[in-house]
Amino acid sequence: MDQKNRDKALESALSNIEKQFGKGSLMKFLTTFKISKGFDRWLQLIDDLQPYMDKYGYKMLFASTNDDETVVYDLGEANDPDMAMKMLSEPDVINMRKEAGVDLESQEVLSTISKHKIW
């Protein structure tokens, strides 16, 4: 999937979230994507992205990986779907994610989440 199609898919997913929760409402979503440099490197990326997450109203709630650390599943929360998309479209964010081994084309929003509990 090229960047243009990835952007369209993300835009469509965010539009569906807006329809379900309303524009500007707090939303949670479950995503997955491939990584090539391991889970620890990806966790460092999340720390490095904190200023962007603060700026765009994004919060990471939970993340996990498979046994060989090639796929991440995460639960995130955003104040506004448009702002989440803007954050992911920031050139610095794109470059940081690529450098950390994130396969941007593999990113998929699996579902919006209305309720969750973490023990």
PDB file of N, CA and C in Angstrom:
ATOM      1  N   MET A   1       0.854  -1.172   0.000  1.00  0.00           N
ATOM      2  CA  MET A   1       0.000   0.000   0.000  1.00  0.00           C
ATOM      3  C   MET A   1       0.900   1.236   0.000  1.00  0.00           C
ATOM      4  N   ASP A   2       0.688   2.122  -0.970  1.00  0.00           N
ATOM      5  CA  ASP A   2       1.508   3.331  -1.025  1.00  0.00           C
ATOM      6  C   ASP A   2       1.012   4.363  -0.010  1.00  0.00           C
ATOM      7  N   GLN A   3       1.774   5.429   0.158  1.00  0.00           N
ATOM      8  CA  GLN A   3       1.462   6.444   1.176  1.00  0.00           C
ATOM      9  C   GLN A   3       0.085   7.060   0.951  1.00  0.00           C
ATOM     10  N   LYS A   4      -0.265   7.330  -0.305  1.00  0.00           N
ATOM     11  CA  LYS A   4      -1.557   7.948  -0.599  1.00  0.00           C
ATOM     12  C   LYS A   4      -2.709   7.032  -0.177  1.00  0.00           C
ATOM     13  N   ASN A   5      -2.601   5.749  -0.497  1.00  0.00           N
ATOM     14  CA  ASN A   5      -3.647   4.794  -0.112  1.00  0.00           C
ATOM     15  C   ASN A   5      -3.686   4.592   1.393  1.00  0.00           C
ATOM     16  N   ARG A   6      -2.523   4.605   2.039  1.00  0.00           N
ATOM     17  CA  ARG A   6      -2.471   4.479   3.495  1.00  0.00           C
ATOM     18  C   ARG A   6      -3.173   5.662   4.145  1.00  0.00           C
ATOM     19  N   ASP A   7      -2.910   6.867   3.630  1.00  0.00           N
ATOM     20  CA  ASP A   7      -3.572   8.067   4.154  1.00  0.00           C
ATOM     21  C   ASP A   7      -5.076   7.993   3.973  1.00  0.00           C
ATOM     22  N   LYS A   8      -5.508   7.502   2.802  1.00  0.00           N
ATOM     23  CA  LYS A   8      -6.947   7.369   2.548  1.00  0.00           C
ATOM     24  C   LYS A   8      -7.577   6.360   3.503  1.00  0.00           C
ATOM     25  N   ALA A   9      -6.895   5.249   3.743  1.00  0.00           N
ATOM     26  CA  ALA A   9      -7.418   4.229   4.658  1.00  0.00           C
ATOM     27  C   ALA A   9      -7.515   4.783   6.076  1.00  0.00           C
ATOM     28  N   LEU A  10      -6.495   5.519   6.488  1.00  0.00           N
ATOM     29  CA  LEU A  10      -6.508   6.112   7.821  1.00  0.00           C
ATOM     30  C   LEU A  10      -7.618   7.154   7.922  1.00  0.00           C
ATOM     31  N   GLU A  11      -7.768   7.960   6.882  1.00  0.00           N
ATOM     32  CA  GLU A  11      -8.829   8.966   6.860  1.00  0.00           C
ATOM     33  C   GLU A  11     -10.210   8.316   6.951  1.00  0.00           C
ATOM     34  N   SER A  12     -10.394   7.219   6.234  1.00  0.00           N
ATOM     35  CA  SER A  12     -11.670   6.499   6.268  1.00  0.00           C
ATOM     36  C   SER A  12     -11.938   5.935   7.654  1.00  0.00           C
ATOM     37  N   ALA A  13     -10.925   5.344   8.262  1.00  0.00           N
ATOM     38  CA  ALA A  13     -11.090   4.787   9.612  1.00  0.00           C
ATOM     39  C   ALA A  13     -11.436   5.887  10.600  1.00  0.00           C
ATOM     40  N   LEU A  14     -10.766   7.022  10.507  1.00  0.00           N
ATOM     41  CA  LEU A  14     -11.044   8.128  11.411  1.00  0.00           C
ATOM     42  C   LEU A  14     -12.434   8.712  11.174  1.00  0.00           C
ATOM     43  N   SER A  15     -12.867   8.742   9.928  1.00  0.00           N
ATOM     44  CA  SER A  15     -14.217   9.218   9.617  1.00  0.00           C
ATOM     45  C   SER A  15     -15.264   8.309  10.256  1.00  0.00           C
ATOM     46  N   ASN A  16     -15.028   6.996  10.191  1.00  0.00           N
ATOM     47  CA  ASN A  16     -15.955   6.044  10.823  1.00  0.00           C
ATOM     48  C   ASN A  16     -15.973   6.224  12.337  1.00  0.00           C
ATOM     49  N   ILE A  17     -14.832   6.511  12.909  1.00  0.00           N
ATOM     50  CA  ILE A  17     -14.753   6.752  14.351  1.00  0.00           C
ATOM     51  C   ILE A  17     -15.538   8.008  14.704  1.00  0.00           C
ATOM     52  N   GLU A  18     -15.390   9.063  13.890  1.00  0.00           N
ATOM     53  CA  GLU A  18     -16.149  10.295  14.130  1.00  0.00           C
ATOM     54  C   GLU A  18     -17.645  10.033  14.085  1.00  0.00           C
ATOM     55  N   LYS A  19     -18.087   9.212  13.131  1.00  0.00           N
ATOM     56  CA  LYS A  19     -19.513   8.892  13.025  1.00  0.00           C
ATOM     57  C   LYS A  19     -20.000   8.160  14.269  1.00  0.00           C
ATOM     58  N   GLN A  20     -19.162   7.261  14.781  1.00  0.00           N
ATOM     59  CA  GLN A  20     -19.556   6.459  15.940  1.00  0.00           C
ATOM     60  C   GLN A  20     -19.533   7.273  17.229  1.00  0.00           C
ATOM     61  N   PHE A  21     -18.503   8.095  17.430  1.00  0.00           N
ATOM     62  CA  PHE A  21     -18.313   8.784  18.700  1.00  0.00           C
ATOM     63  C   PHE A  21     -18.601  10.280  18.647  1.00  0.00           C
ATOM     64  N   GLY A  22     -18.644  10.853  17.450  1.00  0.00           N
ATOM     65  CA  GLY A  22     -18.830  12.294  17.330  1.00  0.00           C
ATOM     66  C   GLY A  22     -17.499  12.998  17.181  1.00  0.00           C
ATOM     67  N   LYS A  23     -17.473  14.038  16.383  1.00  0.00           N
ATOM     68  CA  LYS A  23     -16.239  14.789  16.149  1.00  0.00           C
ATOM     69  C   LYS A  23     -15.784  15.463  17.435  1.00  0.00           C
ATOM     70  N   GLY A  24     -14.516  15.358  17.721  1.00  0.00           N
ATOM     71  CA  GLY A  24     -13.950  16.010  18.887  1.00  0.00           C
ATOM     72  C   GLY A  24     -14.117  15.237  20.185  1.00  0.00           C
ATOM     73  N   SER A  25     -14.752  14.076  20.127  1.00  0.00           N
ATOM     74  CA  SER A  25     -14.926  13.300  21.355  1.00  0.00           C
ATOM     75  C   SER A  25     -13.724  12.388  21.574  1.00  0.00           C
ATOM     76  N   LEU A  26     -13.492  12.038  22.817  1.00  0.00           N
ATOM     77  CA  LEU A  26     -12.397  11.142  23.160  1.00  0.00           C
ATOM     78  C   LEU A  26     -12.653   9.780  22.530  1.00  0.00           C
ATOM     79  N   MET A  27     -11.675   9.213  21.871  1.00  0.00           N
ATOM     80  CA  MET A  27     -11.849   7.916  21.225  1.00  0.00           C
ATOM     81  C   MET A  27     -10.688   7.005  21.556  1.00  0.00           C
ATOM     82  N   LYS A  28     -10.970   5.717  21.583  1.00  0.00           N
ATOM     83  CA  LYS A  28      -9.947   4.687  21.772  1.00  0.00           C
ATOM     84  C   LYS A  28      -9.975   3.788  20.548  1.00  0.00           C
ATOM     85  N   PHE A  29      -8.801   3.325  20.140  1.00  0.00           N
ATOM     86  CA  PHE A  29      -8.754   2.445  18.987  1.00  0.00           C
ATOM     87  C   PHE A  29      -7.608   1.453  19.123  1.00  0.00           C
ATOM     88  N   LEU A  30      -7.836   0.269  18.588  1.00  0.00           N
ATOM     89  CA  LEU A  30      -6.862  -0.808  18.593  1.00  0.00           C
ATOM     90  C   LEU A  30      -6.213  -0.874  17.217  1.00  0.00           C
ATOM     91  N   THR A  31      -4.889  -0.785  17.190  1.00  0.00           N
ATOM     92  CA  THR A  31      -4.169  -0.831  15.921  1.00  0.00           C
ATOM     93  C   THR A  31      -3.098  -1.909  15.963  1.00  0.00           C
ATOM     94  N   THR A  32      -2.633  -2.271  14.792  1.00  0.00           N
ATOM     95  CA  THR A  32      -1.519  -3.203  14.668  1.00  0.00           C
ATOM     96  C   THR A  32      -0.631  -2.762  13.510  1.00  0.00           C
ATOM     97  N   PHE A  33       0.624  -3.159  13.574  1.00  0.00           N
ATOM     98  CA  PHE A  33       1.585  -2.865  12.511  1.00  0.00           C
ATOM     99  C   PHE A  33       2.823  -3.718  12.747  1.00  0.00           C
ATOM    100  N   LYS A  34       3.618  -3.847  11.696  1.00  0.00           N
ATOM    101  CA  LYS A  34       4.854  -4.629  11.763  1.00  0.00           C
ATOM    102  C   LYS A  34       6.011  -3.734  12.202  1.00  0.00           C
ATOM    103  N   ILE A  35       6.969  -4.360  12.901  1.00  0.00           N
ATOM    104  CA  ILE A  35       8.205  -3.680  13.293  1.00  0.00           C
ATOM    105  C   ILE A  35       9.381  -4.570  12.921  1.00  0.00           C
ATOM    106  N   SER A  36      10.544  -3.962  12.717  1.00  0.00           N
ATOM    107  CA  SER A  36      11.719  -4.752  12.316  1.00  0.00           C
ATOM    108  C   SER A  36      12.895  -4.624  13.276  1.00  0.00           C
ATOM    109  N   LYS A  37      12.781  -3.744  14.289  1.00  0.00           N
ATOM    110  CA  LYS A  37      13.916  -3.525  15.197  1.00  0.00           C
ATOM    111  C   LYS A  37      13.592  -3.899  16.640  1.00  0.00           C
ATOM    112  N   GLY A  38      12.547  -4.698  16.836  1.00  0.00           N
ATOM    113  CA  GLY A  38      12.220  -5.182  18.169  1.00  0.00           C
ATOM    114  C   GLY A  38      11.338  -4.253  18.973  1.00  0.00           C
ATOM    115  N   PHE A  39      10.728  -4.822  20.003  1.00  0.00           N
ATOM    116  CA  PHE A  39       9.764  -4.113  20.835  1.00  0.00           C
ATOM    117  C   PHE A  39      10.420  -3.036  21.697  1.00  0.00           C
ATOM    118  N   ASP A  40      11.619  -3.316  22.219  1.00  0.00           N
ATOM    119  CA  ASP A  40      12.298  -2.309  23.047  1.00  0.00           C
ATOM    120  C   ASP A  40      12.588  -1.039  22.256  1.00  0.00           C
ATOM    121  N   ARG A  41      12.994  -1.201  20.997  1.00  0.00           N
ATOM    122  CA  ARG A  41      13.246  -0.020  20.153  1.00  0.00           C
ATOM    123  C   ARG A  41      11.948   0.741  19.914  1.00  0.00           C
ATOM    124  N   TRP A  42      10.852   0.005  19.715  1.00  0.00           N
ATOM    125  CA  TRP A  42       9.562   0.663  19.513  1.00  0.00           C
ATOM    126  C   TRP A  42       9.124   1.401  20.781  1.00  0.00           C
ATOM    127  N   LEU A  43       9.349   0.801  21.950  1.00  0.00           N
ATOM    128  CA  LEU A  43       9.008   1.476  23.211  1.00  0.00           C
ATOM    129  C   LEU A  43       9.797   2.775  23.366  1.00  0.00           C
ATOM    130  N   GLN A  44      11.055   2.764  22.944  1.00  0.00           N
ATOM    131  CA  GLN A  44      11.865   3.991  22.976  1.00  0.00           C
ATOM    132  C   GLN A  44      11.262   5.041  22.055  1.00  0.00           C
ATOM    133  N   LEU A  45      10.765   4.598  20.898  1.00  0.00           N
ATOM    134  CA  LEU A  45      10.114   5.513  19.970  1.00  0.00           C
ATOM    135  C   LEU A  45       8.936   6.213  20.645  1.00  0.00           C
ATOM    136  N   ILE A  46       8.132   5.474  21.382  1.00  0.00           N
ATOM    137  CA  ILE A  46       6.978   6.068  22.055  1.00  0.00           C
ATOM    138  C   ILE A  46       7.441   7.148  23.033  1.00  0.00           C
ATOM    139  N   ASP A  47       8.512   6.887  23.762  1.00  0.00           N
ATOM    140  CA  ASP A  47       9.075   7.919  24.645  1.00  0.00           C
ATOM    141  C   ASP A  47       9.522   9.141  23.843  1.00  0.00           C
ATOM    142  N   ASP A  48      10.172   8.893  22.712  1.00  0.00           N
ATOM    143  CA  ASP A  48      10.660   9.997  21.871  1.00  0.00           C
ATOM    144  C   ASP A  48       9.511  10.804  21.256  1.00  0.00           C
ATOM    145  N   LEU A  49       8.383  10.142  21.018  1.00  0.00           N
ATOM    146  CA  LEU A  49       7.231  10.806  20.409  1.00  0.00           C
ATOM    147  C   LEU A  49       6.361  11.559  21.409  1.00  0.00           C
ATOM    148  N   GLN A  50       6.690  11.491  22.694  1.00  0.00           N
ATOM    149  CA  GLN A  50       5.837  12.089  23.720  1.00  0.00           C
ATOM    150  C   GLN A  50       5.512  13.571  23.462  1.00  0.00           C
ATOM    151  N   PRO A  51       6.471  14.398  23.047  1.00  0.00           N
ATOM    152  CA  PRO A  51       6.117  15.798  22.774  1.00  0.00           C
ATOM    153  C   PRO A  51       5.046  15.934  21.680  1.00  0.00           C
ATOM    154  N   TYR A  52       5.105  15.082  20.664  1.00  0.00           N
ATOM    155  CA  TYR A  52       4.093  15.108  19.604  1.00  0.00           C
ATOM    156  C   TYR A  52       2.754  14.605  20.132  1.00  0.00           C
ATOM    157  N   MET A  53       2.789  13.557  20.941  1.00  0.00           N
ATOM    158  CA  MET A  53       1.551  13.020  21.500  1.00  0.00           C
ATOM    159  C   MET A  53       0.884  14.062  22.392  1.00  0.00           C
ATOM    160  N   ASP A  54       1.673  14.785  23.163  1.00  0.00           N
ATOM    161  CA  ASP A  54       1.122  15.855  24.003  1.00  0.00           C
ATOM    162  C   ASP A  54       0.506  16.953  23.139  1.00  0.00           C
ATOM    163  N   LYS A  55       1.221  17.351  22.102  1.00  0.00           N
ATOM    164  CA  LYS A  55       0.760  18.422  21.214  1.00  0.00           C
ATOM    165  C   LYS A  55      -0.565  18.070  20.536  1.00  0.00           C
ATOM    166  N   TYR A  56      -0.707  16.811  20.126  1.00  0.00           N
ATOM    167  CA  TYR A  56      -1.880  16.401  19.355  1.00  0.00           C
ATOM    168  C   TYR A  56      -2.948  15.681  20.190  1.00  0.00           C
ATOM    169  N   GLY A  57      -2.767  15.631  21.492  1.00  0.00           N
ATOM    170  CA  GLY A  57      -3.788  15.042  22.350  1.00  0.00           C
ATOM    171  C   GLY A  57      -3.920  13.535  22.203  1.00  0.00           C
ATOM    172  N   TYR A  58      -2.784  12.843  22.062  1.00  0.00           N
ATOM    173  CA  TYR A  58      -2.773  11.395  21.877  1.00  0.00           C
ATOM    174  C   TYR A  58      -2.149  10.732  23.098  1.00  0.00           C
ATOM    175  N   LYS A  59      -2.724   9.628  23.527  1.00  0.00           N
ATOM    176  CA  LYS A  59      -2.203   8.898  24.685  1.00  0.00           C
ATOM    177  C   LYS A  59      -2.148   7.410  24.370  1.00  0.00           C
ATOM    178  N   MET A  60      -1.027   6.789  24.668  1.00  0.00           N
ATOM    179  CA  MET A  60      -0.889   5.345  24.503  1.00  0.00           C
ATOM    180  C   MET A  60      -1.325   4.685  25.805  1.00  0.00           C
ATOM    181  N   LEU A  61      -2.291   3.768  25.723  1.00  0.00           N
ATOM    182  CA  LEU A  61      -2.810   3.098  26.910  1.00  0.00           C
ATOM    183  C   LEU A  61      -2.185   1.738  27.153  1.00  0.00           C
ATOM    184  N   PHE A  62      -1.880   1.017  26.068  1.00  0.00           N
ATOM    185  CA  PHE A  62      -1.407  -0.358  26.187  1.00  0.00           C
ATOM    186  C   PHE A  62      -0.715  -0.746  24.899  1.00  0.00           C
ATOM    187  N   ALA A  63       0.317  -1.563  25.006  1.00  0.00           N
ATOM    188  CA  ALA A  63       0.972  -2.103  23.814  1.00  0.00           C
ATOM    189  C   ALA A  63       1.533  -3.478  24.134  1.00  0.00           C
ATOM    190  N   SER A  64       1.534  -4.340  23.127  1.00  0.00           N
ATOM    191  CA  SER A  64       2.101  -5.685  23.276  1.00  0.00           C
ATOM    192  C   SER A  64       2.693  -6.099  21.936  1.00  0.00           C
ATOM    193  N   THR A  65       3.435  -7.203  21.973  1.00  0.00           N
ATOM    194  CA  THR A  65       4.049  -7.712  20.753  1.00  0.00           C
ATOM    195  C   THR A  65       3.948  -9.233  20.723  1.00  0.00           C
ATOM    196  N   ASN A  66       4.201  -9.796  19.552  1.00  0.00           N
ATOM    197  CA  ASN A  66       4.227 -11.249  19.416  1.00  0.00           C
ATOM    198  C   ASN A  66       5.582 -11.784  19.899  1.00  0.00           C
ATOM    199  N   ASP A  67       5.737 -13.116  19.879  1.00  0.00           N
ATOM    200  CA  ASP A  67       6.945 -13.750  20.427  1.00  0.00           C
ATOM    201  C   ASP A  67       8.239 -13.306  19.757  1.00  0.00           C
ATOM    202  N   ASP A  68       8.209 -13.120  18.442  1.00  0.00           N
ATOM    203  CA  ASP A  68       9.452 -12.732  17.766  1.00  0.00           C
ATOM    204  C   ASP A  68       9.590 -11.217  17.571  1.00  0.00           C
ATOM    205  N   GLU A  69       8.720 -10.452  18.248  1.00  0.00           N
ATOM    206  CA  GLU A  69       8.791  -8.988  18.265  1.00  0.00           C
ATOM    207  C   GLU A  69       8.797  -8.368  16.869  1.00  0.00           C
ATOM    208  N   THR A  70       7.888  -8.862  16.022  1.00  0.00           N
ATOM    209  CA  THR A  70       7.773  -8.324  14.669  1.00  0.00           C
ATOM    210  C   THR A  70       6.427  -7.646  14.417  1.00  0.00           C
ATOM    211  N   VAL A  71       5.507  -7.757  15.378  1.00  0.00           N
ATOM    212  CA  VAL A  71       4.185  -7.137  15.244  1.00  0.00           C
ATOM    213  C   VAL A  71       3.815  -6.492  16.577  1.00  0.00           C
ATOM    214  N   VAL A  72       3.272  -5.274  16.506  1.00  0.00           N
ATOM    215  CA  VAL A  72       2.799  -4.571  17.697  1.00  0.00           C
ATOM    216  C   VAL A  72       1.281  -4.462  17.622  1.00  0.00           C
ATOM    217  N   TYR A  73       0.653  -4.621  18.769  1.00  0.00           N
ATOM    218  CA  TYR A  73      -0.775  -4.359  18.943  1.00  0.00           C
ATOM    219  C   TYR A  73      -0.860  -3.294  20.025  1.00  0.00           C
ATOM    220  N   ASP A  74      -1.522  -2.176  19.719  1.00  0.00           N
ATOM    221  CA  ASP A  74      -1.604  -1.143  20.744  1.00  0.00           C
ATOM    222  C   ASP A  74      -3.013  -0.573  20.862  1.00  0.00           C
ATOM    223  N   LEU A  75      -3.272  -0.045  22.042  1.00  0.00           N
ATOM    224  CA  LEU A  75      -4.535   0.618  22.323  1.00  0.00           C
ATOM    225  C   LEU A  75      -4.201   2.073  22.617  1.00  0.00           C
ATOM    226  N   GLY A  76      -4.702   2.963  21.777  1.00  0.00           N
ATOM    227  CA  GLY A  76      -4.434   4.383  21.933  1.00  0.00           C
ATOM    228  C   GLY A  76      -5.708   5.167  22.145  1.00  0.00           C
ATOM    229  N   GLU A  77      -5.533   6.399  22.588  1.00  0.00           N
ATOM    230  CA  GLU A  77      -6.668   7.277  22.859  1.00  0.00           C
ATOM    231  C   GLU A  77      -6.339   8.656  22.315  1.00  0.00           C
ATOM    232  N   ALA A  78      -7.312   9.265  21.639  1.00  0.00           N
ATOM    233  CA  ALA A  78      -7.097  10.594  21.075  1.00  0.00           C
ATOM    234  C   ALA A  78      -8.295  11.484  21.380  1.00  0.00           C
ATOM    235  N   ASN A  79      -8.018  12.766  21.545  1.00  0.00           N
ATOM    236  CA  ASN A  79      -9.074  13.734  21.780  1.00  0.00           C
ATOM    237  C   ASN A  79      -9.874  14.022  20.521  1.00  0.00           C
ATOM    238  N   ASP A  80      -9.217  13.903  19.357  1.00  0.00           N
ATOM    239  CA  ASP A  80      -9.845  14.277  18.098  1.00  0.00           C
ATOM    240  C   ASP A  80      -9.217  13.451  16.975  1.00  0.00           C
ATOM    241  N   PRO A  81     -10.030  12.747  16.176  1.00  0.00           N
ATOM    242  CA  PRO A  81      -9.480  11.941  15.082  1.00  0.00           C
ATOM    243  C   PRO A  81      -8.645  12.752  14.091  1.00  0.00           C
ATOM    244  N   ASP A  82      -9.069  13.984  13.813  1.00  0.00           N
ATOM    245  CA  ASP A  82      -8.302  14.819  12.885  1.00  0.00           C
ATOM    246  C   ASP A  82      -6.895  15.096  13.414  1.00  0.00           C
ATOM    247  N   MET A  83      -6.800  15.329  14.708  1.00  0.00           N
ATOM    248  CA  MET A  83      -5.487  15.607  15.306  1.00  0.00           C
ATOM    249  C   MET A  83      -4.608  14.355  15.289  1.00  0.00           C
ATOM    250  N   ALA A  84      -5.222  13.190  15.498  1.00  0.00           N
ATOM    251  CA  ALA A  84      -4.445  11.946  15.435  1.00  0.00           C
ATOM    252  C   ALA A  84      -3.854  11.761  14.044  1.00  0.00           C
ATOM    253  N   MET A  85      -4.645  12.048  13.025  1.00  0.00           N
ATOM    254  CA  MET A  85      -4.157  11.915  11.656  1.00  0.00           C
ATOM    255  C   MET A  85      -3.060  12.932  11.369  1.00  0.00           C
ATOM    256  N   LYS A  86      -3.236  14.151  11.868  1.00  0.00           N
ATOM    257  CA  LYS A  86      -2.208  15.179  11.667  1.00  0.00           C
ATOM    258  C   LYS A  86      -0.890  14.758  12.313  1.00  0.00           C
ATOM    259  N   MET A  87      -0.963  14.171  13.509  1.00  0.00           N
ATOM    260  CA  MET A  87       0.257  13.719  14.171  1.00  0.00           C
ATOM    261  C   MET A  87       0.961  12.671  13.316  1.00  0.00           C
ATOM    262  N   LEU A  88       0.219  11.676  12.830  1.00  0.00           N
ATOM    263  CA  LEU A  88       0.822  10.610  12.037  1.00  0.00           C
ATOM    264  C   LEU A  88       1.339  11.104  10.689  1.00  0.00           C
ATOM    265  N   SER A  89       0.863  12.264  10.254  1.00  0.00           N
ATOM    266  CA  SER A  89       1.293  12.828   8.977  1.00  0.00           C
ATOM    267  C   SER A  89       2.473  13.788   9.113  1.00  0.00           C
ATOM    268  N   GLU A  90       2.852  14.116  10.343  1.00  0.00           N
ATOM    269  CA  GLU A  90       4.006  15.002  10.579  1.00  0.00           C
ATOM    270  C   GLU A  90       5.266  14.353   9.986  1.00  0.00           C
ATOM    271  N   PRO A  91       6.001  15.070   9.141  1.00  0.00           N
ATOM    272  CA  PRO A  91       7.222  14.492   8.564  1.00  0.00           C
ATOM    273  C   PRO A  91       8.200  13.955   9.620  1.00  0.00           C
ATOM    274  N   ASP A  92       8.383  14.686  10.724  1.00  0.00           N
ATOM    275  CA  ASP A  92       9.292  14.204  11.773  1.00  0.00           C
ATOM    276  C   ASP A  92       8.791  12.905  12.387  1.00  0.00           C
ATOM    277  N   VAL A  93       7.488  12.792  12.601  1.00  0.00           N
ATOM    278  CA  VAL A  93       6.908  11.576  13.178  1.00  0.00           C
ATOM    279  C   VAL A  93       7.077  10.409  12.208  1.00  0.00           C
ATOM    280  N   ILE A  94       6.810  10.657  10.936  1.00  0.00           N
ATOM    281  CA  ILE A  94       6.989   9.610   9.921  1.00  0.00           C
ATOM    282  C   ILE A  94       8.431   9.121   9.929  1.00  0.00           C
ATOM    283  N   ASN A  95       9.385  10.046   9.918  1.00  0.00           N
ATOM    284  CA  ASN A  95      10.803   9.669   9.896  1.00  0.00           C
ATOM    285  C   ASN A  95      11.215   8.928  11.162  1.00  0.00           C
ATOM    286  N   MET A  96      10.743   9.401  12.305  1.00  0.00           N
ATOM    287  CA  MET A  96      11.087   8.739  13.564  1.00  0.00           C
ATOM    288  C   MET A  96      10.542   7.313  13.590  1.00  0.00           C
ATOM    289  N   ARG A  97       9.324   7.134  13.120  1.00  0.00           N
ATOM    290  CA  ARG A  97       8.723   5.800  13.097  1.00  0.00           C
ATOM    291  C   ARG A  97       9.492   4.874  12.151  1.00  0.00           C
ATOM    292  N   LYS A  98       9.843   5.379  10.967  1.00  0.00           N
ATOM    293  CA  LYS A  98      10.624   4.580  10.010  1.00  0.00           C
ATOM    294  C   LYS A  98      11.973   4.182  10.607  1.00  0.00           C
ATOM    295  N   GLU A  99      12.660   5.148  11.234  1.00  0.00           N
ATOM    296  CA  GLU A  99      13.970   4.878  11.828  1.00  0.00           C
ATOM    297  C   GLU A  99      13.887   3.846  12.949  1.00  0.00           C
ATOM    298  N   ALA A 100      12.739   3.779  13.617  1.00  0.00           N
ATOM    299  CA  ALA A 100      12.552   2.810  14.704  1.00  0.00           C
ATOM    300  C   ALA A 100      12.116   1.446  14.182  1.00  0.00           C
ATOM    301  N   GLY A 101      11.976   1.311  12.865  1.00  0.00           N
ATOM    302  CA  GLY A 101      11.647   0.013  12.287  1.00  0.00           C
ATOM    303  C   GLY A 101      10.168  -0.246  12.091  1.00  0.00           C
ATOM    304  N   VAL A 102       9.333   0.792  12.155  1.00  0.00           N
ATOM    305  CA  VAL A 102       7.900   0.612  11.930  1.00  0.00           C
ATOM    306  C   VAL A 102       7.638   0.538  10.430  1.00  0.00           C
ATOM    307  N   ASP A 103       6.922  -0.497  10.015  1.00  0.00           N
ATOM    308  CA  ASP A 103       6.489  -0.639   8.626  1.00  0.00           C
ATOM    309  C   ASP A 103       5.182   0.140   8.495  1.00  0.00           C
ATOM    310  N   LEU A 104       5.272   1.378   8.011  1.00  0.00           N
ATOM    311  CA  LEU A 104       4.119   2.272   7.969  1.00  0.00           C
ATOM    312  C   LEU A 104       2.977   1.725   7.121  1.00  0.00           C
ATOM    313  N   GLU A 105       3.312   1.020   6.058  1.00  0.00           N
ATOM    314  CA  GLU A 105       2.283   0.483   5.172  1.00  0.00           C
ATOM    315  C   GLU A 105       1.495  -0.655   5.808  1.00  0.00           C
ATOM    316  N   SER A 106       2.026  -1.256   6.857  1.00  0.00           N
ATOM    317  CA  SER A 106       1.339  -2.377   7.495  1.00  0.00           C
ATOM    318  C   SER A 106       0.351  -1.928   8.566  1.00  0.00           C
ATOM    319  N   GLN A 107       0.335  -0.634   8.885  1.00  0.00           N
ATOM    320  CA  GLN A 107      -0.531  -0.154   9.956  1.00  0.00           C
ATOM    321  C   GLN A 107      -1.994  -0.355   9.609  1.00  0.00           C
ATOM    322  N   GLU A 108      -2.741  -0.870  10.586  1.00  0.00           N
ATOM    323  CA  GLU A 108      -4.163  -1.136  10.390  1.00  0.00           C
ATOM    324  C   GLU A 108      -4.914  -0.832  11.678  1.00  0.00           C
ATOM    325  N   VAL A 109      -5.999  -0.078  11.566  1.00  0.00           N
ATOM    326  CA  VAL A 109      -6.890   0.131  12.702  1.00  0.00           C
ATOM    327  C   VAL A 109      -7.819  -1.079  12.738  1.00  0.00           C
ATOM    328  N   LEU A 110      -7.673  -1.912  13.778  1.00  0.00           N
ATOM    329  CA  LEU A 110      -8.470  -3.123  13.882  1.00  0.00           C
ATOM    330  C   LEU A 110      -9.894  -2.826  14.323  1.00  0.00           C
ATOM    331  N   SER A 111     -10.029  -1.897  15.260  1.00  0.00           N
ATOM    332  CA  SER A 111     -11.354  -1.594  15.785  1.00  0.00           C
ATOM    333  C   SER A 111     -11.301  -0.368  16.678  1.00  0.00           C
ATOM    334  N   THR A 112     -12.436   0.297  16.798  1.00  0.00           N
ATOM    335  CA  THR A 112     -12.582   1.267  17.857  1.00  0.00           C
ATOM    336  C   THR A 112     -12.950   0.494  19.113  1.00  0.00           C
ATOM    337  N   ILE A 113     -12.623   1.045  20.249  1.00  0.00           N
ATOM    338  CA  ILE A 113     -12.845   0.377  21.527  1.00  0.00           C
ATOM    339  C   ILE A 113     -13.718   1.277  22.394  1.00  0.00           C
ATOM    340  N   SER A 114     -14.856   0.723  22.827  1.00  0.00           N
ATOM    341  CA  SER A 114     -15.736   1.533  23.676  1.00  0.00           C
ATOM    342  C   SER A 114     -15.515   1.240  25.164  1.00  0.00           C
ATOM    343  N   LYS A 115     -15.123   0.017  25.492  1.00  0.00           N
ATOM    344  CA  LYS A 115     -14.852  -0.339  26.883  1.00  0.00           C
ATOM    345  C   LYS A 115     -13.597  -1.216  26.944  1.00  0.00           C
ATOM    346  N   HIS A 116     -12.846  -1.050  28.007  1.00  0.00           N
ATOM    347  CA  HIS A 116     -11.689  -1.938  28.218  1.00  0.00           C
ATOM    348  C   HIS A 116     -11.344  -1.929  29.700  1.00  0.00           C
ATOM    349  N   LYS A 117     -10.598  -2.933  30.100  1.00  0.00           N
ATOM    350  CA  LYS A 117     -10.100  -3.030  31.465  1.00  0.00           C
ATOM    351  C   LYS A 117      -8.715  -3.673  31.411  1.00  0.00           C
ATOM    352  N   ILE A 118      -7.803  -3.104  32.137  1.00  0.00           N
ATOM    353  CA  ILE A 118      -6.450  -3.661  32.201  1.00  0.00           C
ATOM    354  C   ILE A 118      -6.202  -4.039  33.659  1.00  0.00           C
ATOM    355  N   TRP A 119      -5.830  -5.289  33.891  1.00  0.00           N
ATOM    356  CA  TRP A 119      -5.562  -5.760  35.256  1.00  0.00           C
ATOM    357  C   TRP A 119      -4.111  -5.599  35.575  1.00  0.00           C
TER     358      TRP A 119
END
